[in-house]
Amino acid sequence: MKLGDRGSNVVKVQRALNKLNFKVGAEDGIFGSRTGNALKRFQSMYASLKVDGIYGKNTELEMEKQLNK
């Protein structure tokens, strides 16, 4: 997922980011600049992730790992 995407999957990412204290504000299902910036902040915390603001497989795996701590 990336900037401009919409839908229930975006809500899940937004919810996860909010839960991990990378605040995106409202979980509205719109992958806008606030979601992209929060995702980049999350990615920058983990050396294994590329900081590109795109929710790909590696970011998904790391986010799930952090949520399950």
PDB file of N, CA and C in Angstrom:
ATOM      1  N   MET A   1       0.838  -1.173   0.000  1.00  0.00           N
ATOM      2  CA  MET A   1       0.000   0.000   0.000  1.00  0.00           C
ATOM      3  C   MET A   1       0.887   1.241   0.000  1.00  0.00           C
ATOM      4  N   LYS A   2       0.363   2.279  -0.582  1.00  0.00           N
ATOM      5  CA  LYS A   2       1.141   3.509  -0.692  1.00  0.00           C
ATOM      6  C   LYS A   2       0.203   4.711  -0.753  1.00  0.00           C
ATOM      7  N   LEU A   3       0.822   5.879  -0.786  1.00  0.00           N
ATOM      8  CA  LEU A   3       0.098   7.145  -0.851  1.00  0.00           C
ATOM      9  C   LEU A   3      -0.986   7.084  -1.925  1.00  0.00           C
ATOM     10  N   GLY A   4      -2.201   7.461  -1.549  1.00  0.00           N
ATOM     11  CA  GLY A   4      -3.314   7.492  -2.481  1.00  0.00           C
ATOM     12  C   GLY A   4      -4.224   6.282  -2.390  1.00  0.00           C
ATOM     13  N   ASP A   5      -3.748   5.197  -1.773  1.00  0.00           N
ATOM     14  CA  ASP A   5      -4.583   4.010  -1.634  1.00  0.00           C
ATOM     15  C   ASP A   5      -5.690   4.267  -0.604  1.00  0.00           C
ATOM     16  N   ARG A   6      -6.768   3.499  -0.734  1.00  0.00           N
ATOM     17  CA  ARG A   6      -7.918   3.630   0.171  1.00  0.00           C
ATOM     18  C   ARG A   6      -8.494   2.258   0.477  1.00  0.00           C
ATOM     19  N   GLY A   7      -9.188   2.182   1.602  1.00  0.00           N
ATOM     20  CA  GLY A   7      -9.923   0.967   1.897  1.00  0.00           C
ATOM     21  C   GLY A   7      -9.668   0.416   3.293  1.00  0.00           C
ATOM     22  N   SER A   8     -10.265  -0.746   3.529  1.00  0.00           N
ATOM     23  CA  SER A   8     -10.198  -1.361   4.858  1.00  0.00           C
ATOM     24  C   SER A   8      -8.783  -1.794   5.228  1.00  0.00           C
ATOM     25  N   ASN A   9      -7.975  -2.152   4.251  1.00  0.00           N
ATOM     26  CA  ASN A   9      -6.589  -2.518   4.559  1.00  0.00           C
ATOM     27  C   ASN A   9      -5.791  -1.311   5.051  1.00  0.00           C
ATOM     28  N   VAL A  10      -6.110  -0.150   4.530  1.00  0.00           N
ATOM     29  CA  VAL A  10      -5.452   1.080   4.996  1.00  0.00           C
ATOM     30  C   VAL A  10      -5.855   1.351   6.443  1.00  0.00           C
ATOM     31  N   VAL A  11      -7.125   1.116   6.775  1.00  0.00           N
ATOM     32  CA  VAL A  11      -7.589   1.292   8.155  1.00  0.00           C
ATOM     33  C   VAL A  11      -6.778   0.404   9.090  1.00  0.00           C
ATOM     34  N   LYS A  12      -6.509  -0.838   8.679  1.00  0.00           N
ATOM     35  CA  LYS A  12      -5.732  -1.761   9.514  1.00  0.00           C
ATOM     36  C   LYS A  12      -4.320  -1.225   9.758  1.00  0.00           C
ATOM     37  N   VAL A  13      -3.696  -0.681   8.732  1.00  0.00           N
ATOM     38  CA  VAL A  13      -2.357  -0.105   8.874  1.00  0.00           C
ATOM     39  C   VAL A  13      -2.416   1.114   9.792  1.00  0.00           C
ATOM     40  N   GLN A  14      -3.410   1.972   9.588  1.00  0.00           N
ATOM     41  CA  GLN A  14      -3.554   3.159  10.427  1.00  0.00           C
ATOM     42  C   GLN A  14      -3.770   2.771  11.888  1.00  0.00           C
ATOM     43  N   ARG A  15      -4.604   1.774  12.120  1.00  0.00           N
ATOM     44  CA  ARG A  15      -4.870   1.306  13.477  1.00  0.00           C
ATOM     45  C   ARG A  15      -3.582   0.787  14.128  1.00  0.00           C
ATOM     46  N   ALA A  16      -2.807   0.022  13.365  1.00  0.00           N
ATOM     47  CA  ALA A  16      -1.547  -0.521  13.879  1.00  0.00           C
ATOM     48  C   ALA A  16      -0.563   0.602  14.192  1.00  0.00           C
ATOM     49  N   LEU A  17      -0.449   1.565  13.307  1.00  0.00           N
ATOM     50  CA  LEU A  17       0.468   2.686  13.545  1.00  0.00           C
ATOM     51  C   LEU A  17       0.053   3.470  14.789  1.00  0.00           C
ATOM     52  N   ASN A  18      -1.232   3.738  14.945  1.00  0.00           N
ATOM     53  CA  ASN A  18      -1.710   4.439  16.133  1.00  0.00           C
ATOM     54  C   ASN A  18      -1.398   3.641  17.392  1.00  0.00           C
ATOM     55  N   LYS A  19      -1.611   2.336  17.334  1.00  0.00           N
ATOM     56  CA  LYS A  19      -1.370   1.465  18.478  1.00  0.00           C
ATOM     57  C   LYS A  19       0.113   1.461  18.866  1.00  0.00           C
ATOM     58  N   LEU A  20       0.987   1.595  17.869  1.00  0.00           N
ATOM     59  CA  LEU A  20       2.436   1.602  18.108  1.00  0.00           C
ATOM     60  C   LEU A  20       2.974   3.012  18.392  1.00  0.00           C
ATOM     61  N   ASN A  21       2.062   3.963  18.570  1.00  0.00           N
ATOM     62  CA  ASN A  21       2.403   5.363  18.889  1.00  0.00           C
ATOM     63  C   ASN A  21       3.066   6.122  17.748  1.00  0.00           C
ATOM     64  N   PHE A  22       2.785   5.715  16.517  1.00  0.00           N
ATOM     65  CA  PHE A  22       3.166   6.488  15.335  1.00  0.00           C
ATOM     66  C   PHE A  22       1.861   7.087  14.816  1.00  0.00           C
ATOM     67  N   LYS A  23       1.436   8.145  15.465  1.00  0.00           N
ATOM     68  CA  LYS A  23       0.079   8.667  15.308  1.00  0.00           C
ATOM     69  C   LYS A  23      -0.227   9.153  13.892  1.00  0.00           C
ATOM     70  N   VAL A  24      -1.360   8.652  13.378  1.00  0.00           N
ATOM     71  CA  VAL A  24      -1.843   9.070  12.060  1.00  0.00           C
ATOM     72  C   VAL A  24      -3.122   9.888  12.169  1.00  0.00           C
ATOM     73  N   GLY A  25      -3.676   9.987  13.379  1.00  0.00           N
ATOM     74  CA  GLY A  25      -4.951  10.676  13.540  1.00  0.00           C
ATOM     75  C   GLY A  25      -6.087   9.712  13.262  1.00  0.00           C
ATOM     76  N   ALA A  26      -7.108  10.192  12.569  1.00  0.00           N
ATOM     77  CA  ALA A  26      -8.292   9.384  12.293  1.00  0.00           C
ATOM     78  C   ALA A  26      -7.955   8.182  11.415  1.00  0.00           C
ATOM     79  N   GLU A  27      -8.534   7.048  11.771  1.00  0.00           N
ATOM     80  CA  GLU A  27      -8.378   5.822  10.974  1.00  0.00           C
ATOM     81  C   GLU A  27      -9.482   5.817   9.924  1.00  0.00           C
ATOM     82  N   ASP A  28      -9.236   6.592   8.862  1.00  0.00           N
ATOM     83  CA  ASP A  28     -10.281   6.865   7.868  1.00  0.00           C
ATOM     84  C   ASP A  28     -10.173   6.049   6.587  1.00  0.00           C
ATOM     85  N   GLY A  29      -9.153   5.206   6.479  1.00  0.00           N
ATOM     86  CA  GLY A  29      -9.018   4.377   5.285  1.00  0.00           C
ATOM     87  C   GLY A  29      -8.403   5.090   4.091  1.00  0.00           C
ATOM     88  N   ILE A  30      -7.872   6.275   4.308  1.00  0.00           N
ATOM     89  CA  ILE A  30      -7.243   7.036   3.231  1.00  0.00           C
ATOM     90  C   ILE A  30      -5.751   7.134   3.527  1.00  0.00           C
ATOM     91  N   PHE A  31      -4.936   6.588   2.648  1.00  0.00           N
ATOM     92  CA  PHE A  31      -3.478   6.606   2.820  1.00  0.00           C
ATOM     93  C   PHE A  31      -2.981   7.947   2.312  1.00  0.00           C
ATOM     94  N   GLY A  32      -3.038   8.937   3.204  1.00  0.00           N
ATOM     95  CA  GLY A  32      -2.594  10.277   2.860  1.00  0.00           C
ATOM     96  C   GLY A  32      -1.226  10.575   3.433  1.00  0.00           C
ATOM     97  N   SER A  33      -0.876  11.852   3.470  1.00  0.00           N
ATOM     98  CA  SER A  33       0.459  12.246   3.918  1.00  0.00           C
ATOM     99  C   SER A  33       0.701  11.924   5.386  1.00  0.00           C
ATOM    100  N   ARG A  34      -0.321  12.042   6.246  1.00  0.00           N
ATOM    101  CA  ARG A  34      -0.121  11.721   7.670  1.00  0.00           C
ATOM    102  C   ARG A  34       0.196  10.243   7.853  1.00  0.00           C
ATOM    103  N   THR A  35      -0.497   9.392   7.123  1.00  0.00           N
ATOM    104  CA  THR A  35      -0.233   7.954   7.207  1.00  0.00           C
ATOM    105  C   THR A  35       1.143   7.649   6.633  1.00  0.00           C
ATOM    106  N   GLY A  36       1.461   8.249   5.509  1.00  0.00           N
ATOM    107  CA  GLY A  36       2.772   8.033   4.891  1.00  0.00           C
ATOM    108  C   GLY A  36       3.914   8.481   5.784  1.00  0.00           C
ATOM    109  N   ASN A  37       3.761   9.639   6.415  1.00  0.00           N
ATOM    110  CA  ASN A  37       4.808  10.138   7.306  1.00  0.00           C
ATOM    111  C   ASN A  37       4.956   9.261   8.539  1.00  0.00           C
ATOM    112  N   ALA A  38       3.839   8.808   9.102  1.00  0.00           N
ATOM    113  CA  ALA A  38       3.896   7.914  10.261  1.00  0.00           C
ATOM    114  C   ALA A  38       4.569   6.603   9.882  1.00  0.00           C
ATOM    115  N   LEU A  39       4.263   6.105   8.701  1.00  0.00           N
ATOM    116  CA  LEU A  39       4.872   4.862   8.244  1.00  0.00           C
ATOM    117  C   LEU A  39       6.376   5.034   8.053  1.00  0.00           C
ATOM    118  N   LYS A  40       6.796   6.159   7.512  1.00  0.00           N
ATOM    119  CA  LYS A  40       8.235   6.432   7.348  1.00  0.00           C
ATOM    120  C   LYS A  40       8.923   6.513   8.708  1.00  0.00           C
ATOM    121  N   ARG A  41       8.268   7.127   9.695  1.00  0.00           N
ATOM    122  CA  ARG A  41       8.852   7.191  11.040  1.00  0.00           C
ATOM    123  C   ARG A  41       9.009   5.786  11.609  1.00  0.00           C
ATOM    124  N   PHE A  42       7.982   4.944  11.408  1.00  0.00           N
ATOM    125  CA  PHE A  42       8.065   3.556  11.859  1.00  0.00           C
ATOM    126  C   PHE A  42       9.233   2.856  11.164  1.00  0.00           C
ATOM    127  N   GLN A  43       9.322   2.978   9.850  1.00  0.00           N
ATOM    128  CA  GLN A  43      10.371   2.307   9.086  1.00  0.00           C
ATOM    129  C   GLN A  43      11.760   2.772   9.518  1.00  0.00           C
ATOM    130  N   SER A  44      11.894   4.040   9.864  1.00  0.00           N
ATOM    131  CA  SER A  44      13.202   4.572  10.236  1.00  0.00           C
ATOM    132  C   SER A  44      13.713   3.991  11.559  1.00  0.00           C
ATOM    133  N   MET A  45      12.845   3.379  12.333  1.00  0.00           N
ATOM    134  CA  MET A  45      13.236   2.801  13.622  1.00  0.00           C
ATOM    135  C   MET A  45      13.899   1.427  13.469  1.00  0.00           C
ATOM    136  N   TYR A  46      13.800   0.831  12.300  1.00  0.00           N
ATOM    137  CA  TYR A  46      14.280  -0.536  12.097  1.00  0.00           C
ATOM    138  C   TYR A  46      15.218  -0.586  10.895  1.00  0.00           C
ATOM    139  N   ALA A  47      16.471  -0.947  11.154  1.00  0.00           N
ATOM    140  CA  ALA A  47      17.518  -0.924  10.126  1.00  0.00           C
ATOM    141  C   ALA A  47      17.195  -1.819   8.935  1.00  0.00           C
ATOM    142  N   SER A  48      16.417  -2.870   9.165  1.00  0.00           N
ATOM    143  CA  SER A  48      16.113  -3.815   8.086  1.00  0.00           C
ATOM    144  C   SER A  48      15.100  -3.261   7.079  1.00  0.00           C
ATOM    145  N   LEU A  49      14.473  -2.127   7.415  1.00  0.00           N
ATOM    146  CA  LEU A  49      13.424  -1.590   6.544  1.00  0.00           C
ATOM    147  C   LEU A  49      13.913  -0.417   5.709  1.00  0.00           C
ATOM    148  N   LYS A  50      13.462  -0.389   4.475  1.00  0.00           N
ATOM    149  CA  LYS A  50      13.697   0.751   3.597  1.00  0.00           C
ATOM    150  C   LYS A  50      12.693   1.841   3.984  1.00  0.00           C
ATOM    151  N   VAL A  51      13.167   3.059   4.152  1.00  0.00           N
ATOM    152  CA  VAL A  51      12.294   4.173   4.540  1.00  0.00           C
ATOM    153  C   VAL A  51      11.722   4.795   3.272  1.00  0.00           C
ATOM    154  N   ASP A  52      10.608   4.223   2.817  1.00  0.00           N
ATOM    155  CA  ASP A  52      10.007   4.682   1.561  1.00  0.00           C
ATOM    156  C   ASP A  52       8.527   5.032   1.682  1.00  0.00           C
ATOM    157  N   GLY A  53       7.942   4.823   2.874  1.00  0.00           N
ATOM    158  CA  GLY A  53       6.528   5.140   3.058  1.00  0.00           C
ATOM    159  C   GLY A  53       5.596   4.179   2.360  1.00  0.00           C
ATOM    160  N   ILE A  54       6.115   3.043   1.924  1.00  0.00           N
ATOM    161  CA  ILE A  54       5.294   2.020   1.263  1.00  0.00           C
ATOM    162  C   ILE A  54       5.134   0.840   2.214  1.00  0.00           C
ATOM    163  N   TYR A  55       3.908   0.404   2.398  1.00  0.00           N
ATOM    164  CA  TYR A  55       3.621  -0.721   3.272  1.00  0.00           C
ATOM    165  C   TYR A  55       3.743  -2.005   2.463  1.00  0.00           C
ATOM    166  N   GLY A  56       4.956  -2.561   2.478  1.00  0.00           N
ATOM    167  CA  GLY A  56       5.231  -3.809   1.774  1.00  0.00           C
ATOM    168  C   GLY A  56       5.392  -4.953   2.750  1.00  0.00           C
ATOM    169  N   LYS A  57       5.839  -6.088   2.237  1.00  0.00           N
ATOM    170  CA  LYS A  57       5.926  -7.308   3.040  1.00  0.00           C
ATOM    171  C   LYS A  57       6.868  -7.155   4.237  1.00  0.00           C
ATOM    172  N   ASN A  58       8.053  -6.573   4.052  1.00  0.00           N
ATOM    173  CA  ASN A  58       9.002  -6.422   5.158  1.00  0.00           C
ATOM    174  C   ASN A  58       8.450  -5.511   6.248  1.00  0.00           C
ATOM    175  N   THR A  59       7.815  -4.422   5.843  1.00  0.00           N
ATOM    176  CA  THR A  59       7.210  -3.511   6.818  1.00  0.00           C
ATOM    177  C   THR A  59       6.074  -4.219   7.547  1.00  0.00           C
ATOM    178  N   GLU A  60       5.276  -4.963   6.816  1.00  0.00           N
ATOM    179  CA  GLU A  60       4.174  -5.710   7.422  1.00  0.00           C
ATOM    180  C   GLU A  60       4.700  -6.683   8.485  1.00  0.00           C
ATOM    181  N   LEU A  61       5.739  -7.427   8.152  1.00  0.00           N
ATOM    182  CA  LEU A  61       6.295  -8.405   9.090  1.00  0.00           C
ATOM    183  C   LEU A  61       6.843  -7.727  10.348  1.00  0.00           C
ATOM    184  N   GLU A  62       7.552  -6.626  10.172  1.00  0.00           N
ATOM    185  CA  GLU A  62       8.112  -5.920  11.335  1.00  0.00           C
ATOM    186  C   GLU A  62       7.006  -5.321  12.195  1.00  0.00           C
ATOM    187  N   MET A  63       5.974  -4.788  11.551  1.00  0.00           N
ATOM    188  CA  MET A  63       4.873  -4.194  12.299  1.00  0.00           C
ATOM    189  C   MET A  63       4.142  -5.270  13.108  1.00  0.00           C
ATOM    190  N   GLU A  64       3.905  -6.426  12.504  1.00  0.00           N
ATOM    191  CA  GLU A  64       3.253  -7.527  13.226  1.00  0.00           C
ATOM    192  C   GLU A  64       4.112  -7.966  14.411  1.00  0.00           C
ATOM    193  N   LYS A  65       5.423  -8.035  14.205  1.00  0.00           N
ATOM    194  CA  LYS A  65       6.347  -8.404  15.271  1.00  0.00           C
ATOM    195  C   LYS A  65       6.249  -7.424  16.437  1.00  0.00           C
ATOM    196  N   GLN A  66       6.221  -6.132  16.134  1.00  0.00           N
ATOM    197  CA  GLN A  66       6.143  -5.119  17.186  1.00  0.00           C
ATOM    198  C   GLN A  66       4.786  -5.136  17.888  1.00  0.00           C
ATOM    199  N   LEU A  67       3.722  -5.391  17.161  1.00  0.00           N
ATOM    200  CA  LEU A  67       2.393  -5.450  17.770  1.00  0.00           C
ATOM    201  C   LEU A  67       2.243  -6.644  18.699  1.00  0.00           C
ATOM    202  N   ASN A  68       2.985  -7.708  18.440  1.00  0.00           N
ATOM    203  CA  ASN A  68       2.869  -8.922  19.234  1.00  0.00           C
ATOM    204  C   ASN A  68       3.810  -8.970  20.432  1.00  0.00           C
ATOM    205  N   LYS A  69       4.508  -7.881  20.684  1.00  0.00           N
ATOM    206  CA  LYS A  69       5.431  -7.827  21.831  1.00  0.00           C
ATOM    207  C   LYS A  69       4.662  -7.743  23.122  1.00  0.00           C
TER     208      LYS A  69
END
